[in-house]
Amino acid sequence: MLKWFAATLALVGSTAPVFALSCNFLDPAGMYQQAANSDDRYVIVHGSFLRDGPDTPLITESAEDGQGVPYTFPALFYGDIGSRVGFRTPTELEVTVDVSCVLDYCGAPPPDGREVLAFLRVNQDRDYFLSVEACPAWLIFDPEQEELDRIAACMRGDSCEGAD
């Protein structure tokens, strides 16, 4: 009995960061609603990224607490921009990828060439940014056609409710 209790305690202790992080994972419609309700402007794209330069700051070691350091890197997005008729407008965009959470349980930046659905924030100078945070809020890897269709429906003003 004591061994079982010790094993359970060790397991709980080793997963503490997971318990500390509570994400509301959003489906594409939830992401769309979050972007639509934001003070920021977003464009929605479907395609792939290619890293186009080094990380800033250059990461040579971890922070003092042993955790990673937030960083950014330039990337080229190539694919289609979303509209009310779907993802049918080819585009190439220079994007700054901001990685603000660099722990084991954080979201990951898109690897080169992997298909994604991404919500890019746009500033007044028409610069594009992809935020990679602890909870995946702006990026879906390998989206299904149904997810792309749901986003197009949201953009048309049709029902934009998330999946149950």
Protein backbone atom coordinates (compact mmCIF):
# COMPACT_ATOMS: atom_id res chain seq x y z
CA MET A 1 0.00 0.00 0.00
CA LEU A 2 2.82 2.40 0.85
CA LYS A 3 4.55 1.67 -2.49
CA TRP A 4 1.29 2.42 -4.36
CA PHE A 5 0.90 5.71 -2.47
CA ALA A 6 4.52 6.70 -3.16
CA ALA A 7 4.17 5.84 -6.86
CA THR A 8 0.96 7.87 -7.11
CA LEU A 9 2.59 10.81 -5.35
CA ALA A 10 5.61 10.64 -7.68
CA LEU A 11 3.34 10.53 -10.74
CA VAL A 12 1.34 13.54 -9.58
CA GLY A 13 4.55 15.44 -8.81
CA SER A 14 5.98 14.72 -12.25
CA THR A 15 2.88 16.00 -14.02
CA ALA A 16 2.44 19.18 -11.94
CA PRO A 17 3.12 21.53 -14.88
CA VAL A 18 0.29 19.90 -16.83
CA PHE A 19 -2.11 20.46 -13.94
CA ALA A 20 -0.95 24.06 -13.59
CA LEU A 21 -1.73 24.84 -17.21
CA SER A 22 -5.40 24.87 -18.04
CA CYS A 23 -6.21 25.50 -21.69
CA ASN A 24 -9.55 25.80 -23.35
CA PHE A 25 -8.69 24.13 -26.64
CA LEU A 26 -10.61 25.92 -29.34
CA ASP A 27 -11.88 24.46 -32.56
CA PRO A 28 -11.64 26.64 -35.71
CA ALA A 29 -15.01 28.32 -35.05
CA GLY A 30 -13.90 29.18 -31.50
CA MET A 31 -10.64 30.58 -32.85
CA TYR A 32 -12.58 32.63 -35.40
CA GLN A 33 -14.86 34.03 -32.69
CA GLN A 34 -11.86 34.87 -30.51
CA ALA A 35 -10.20 36.72 -33.41
CA ALA A 36 -13.44 38.48 -34.39
CA ASN A 37 -13.94 39.71 -30.81
CA SER A 38 -10.34 40.93 -30.49
CA ASP A 39 -9.25 44.54 -30.82
CA ASP A 40 -6.54 43.27 -33.19
CA ARG A 41 -7.00 42.52 -36.89
CA TYR A 42 -6.46 38.98 -38.18
CA VAL A 43 -6.26 37.19 -41.51
CA ILE A 44 -6.83 33.46 -41.74
CA VAL A 45 -4.54 31.40 -43.93
CA HIS A 46 -4.18 27.76 -44.96
CA GLY A 47 -0.84 26.47 -46.16
CA SER A 48 2.73 26.09 -44.89
CA PHE A 49 5.55 28.09 -43.36
CA LEU A 50 9.25 28.09 -44.18
CA ARG A 51 11.70 29.49 -41.63
CA ASP A 52 13.46 32.43 -43.23
CA GLY A 53 16.12 33.41 -40.69
CA PRO A 54 17.61 32.83 -37.26
CA ASP A 55 15.88 33.08 -33.90
CA THR A 56 15.95 36.45 -32.14
CA PRO A 57 17.44 36.54 -29.60
CA LEU A 58 19.91 33.86 -30.62
CA ILE A 59 19.32 31.08 -28.15
CA THR A 60 22.58 29.83 -26.73
CA GLU A 61 21.41 28.65 -23.32
CA SER A 62 18.35 28.42 -21.10
CA ALA A 63 17.16 31.07 -18.70
CA GLU A 64 18.42 30.93 -15.12
CA ASP A 65 15.54 28.70 -14.02
CA GLY A 66 16.40 26.11 -16.69
CA GLN A 67 13.42 27.01 -18.85
CA GLY A 68 13.66 28.22 -22.42
CA VAL A 69 13.76 31.85 -23.50
CA PRO A 70 10.94 33.33 -25.64
CA TYR A 71 12.07 34.06 -29.18
CA THR A 72 10.90 35.16 -32.62
CA PHE A 73 11.92 34.15 -36.13
CA PRO A 74 11.03 35.28 -39.62
CA ALA A 75 9.10 32.89 -41.83
CA LEU A 76 7.58 32.83 -45.27
CA PHE A 77 3.98 31.67 -45.46
CA TYR A 78 2.78 30.21 -48.74
CA GLY A 79 -0.73 28.97 -49.36
CA ASP A 80 -4.20 30.50 -49.54
CA ILE A 81 -5.88 33.31 -47.67
CA GLY A 82 -9.41 32.67 -46.38
CA SER A 83 -12.55 34.42 -47.54
CA ARG A 84 -16.29 33.84 -47.58
CA VAL A 85 -15.87 31.39 -50.49
CA GLY A 86 -13.14 29.39 -48.78
CA PHE A 87 -9.38 29.22 -49.16
CA ARG A 88 -8.96 29.92 -52.87
CA THR A 89 -6.72 32.99 -53.08
CA PRO A 90 -3.02 32.11 -53.35
CA THR A 91 -0.72 34.28 -51.27
CA GLU A 92 2.82 34.55 -49.95
CA LEU A 93 3.41 36.55 -46.79
CA GLU A 94 6.43 37.42 -44.67
CA VAL A 95 5.47 36.53 -41.09
CA THR A 96 7.14 37.04 -37.73
CA VAL A 97 6.57 33.99 -35.54
CA ASP A 98 6.50 34.94 -31.84
CA VAL A 99 7.14 31.96 -29.53
CA SER A 100 6.32 33.16 -26.03
CA CYS A 101 6.02 29.83 -24.22
CA VAL A 102 9.00 27.52 -24.45
CA LEU A 103 8.28 24.81 -21.89
CA ASP A 104 7.71 21.12 -22.61
CA TYR A 105 3.92 21.49 -22.49
CA CYS A 106 3.67 24.63 -24.65
CA GLY A 107 2.49 24.95 -28.20
CA ALA A 108 5.02 24.46 -30.98
CA PRO A 109 5.83 26.69 -33.93
CA PRO A 110 4.93 25.25 -37.32
CA PRO A 111 7.69 23.07 -38.76
CA ASP A 112 8.79 23.84 -42.30
CA GLY A 113 6.35 22.56 -44.90
CA ARG A 114 3.69 21.21 -42.53
CA GLU A 115 0.12 22.09 -43.51
CA VAL A 116 -1.58 24.45 -41.07
CA LEU A 117 -4.59 26.68 -40.56
CA ALA A 118 -3.28 29.87 -38.96
CA PHE A 119 -4.69 33.14 -37.67
CA LEU A 120 -2.19 35.90 -38.37
CA ARG A 121 -2.37 39.20 -36.51
CA VAL A 122 -1.90 42.23 -38.77
CA ASN A 123 -0.63 45.60 -37.54
CA GLN A 124 -1.17 49.07 -39.09
CA ASP A 125 1.95 48.64 -41.26
CA ARG A 126 0.52 45.40 -42.70
CA ASP A 127 3.14 43.29 -40.92
CA TYR A 128 1.96 39.75 -40.11
CA PHE A 129 2.54 37.90 -36.83
CA LEU A 130 1.83 34.36 -35.65
CA SER A 131 1.70 33.94 -31.86
CA VAL A 132 2.70 30.59 -30.41
CA GLU A 133 1.61 30.56 -26.78
CA ALA A 134 1.05 28.03 -24.02
CA CYS A 135 -2.44 27.25 -25.28
CA PRO A 136 -2.92 26.73 -29.00
CA ALA A 137 -5.14 29.65 -29.97
CA TRP A 138 -4.01 30.63 -33.46
CA LEU A 139 -2.73 27.49 -35.17
CA ILE A 140 -4.15 24.10 -36.18
CA PHE A 141 -1.85 21.46 -37.64
CA ASP A 142 -3.13 19.33 -40.55
CA PRO A 143 -6.63 20.87 -40.72
CA GLU A 144 -9.43 18.81 -42.19
CA GLN A 145 -11.66 20.11 -45.00
CA GLU A 146 -14.55 20.32 -42.55
CA GLU A 147 -12.53 22.76 -40.41
CA LEU A 148 -11.72 24.91 -43.44
CA ASP A 149 -15.40 24.89 -44.47
CA ARG A 150 -16.41 25.94 -40.94
CA ILE A 151 -14.10 28.97 -41.12
CA ALA A 152 -15.52 29.96 -44.52
CA ALA A 153 -19.05 29.68 -43.06
CA CYS A 154 -18.03 31.94 -40.18
CA MET A 155 -16.63 34.50 -42.64
CA ARG A 156 -19.91 34.41 -44.62
CA GLY A 157 -21.84 35.18 -41.44
CA ASP A 158 -23.45 31.73 -41.32
CA SER A 159 -23.70 29.84 -38.06
CA CYS A 160 -20.29 29.92 -36.40
CA GLU A 161 -20.67 27.56 -33.50
CA GLY A 162 -17.94 25.23 -32.43
CA ALA A 163 -18.04 21.47 -32.49
CA ASP A 164 -19.59 19.77 -29.51
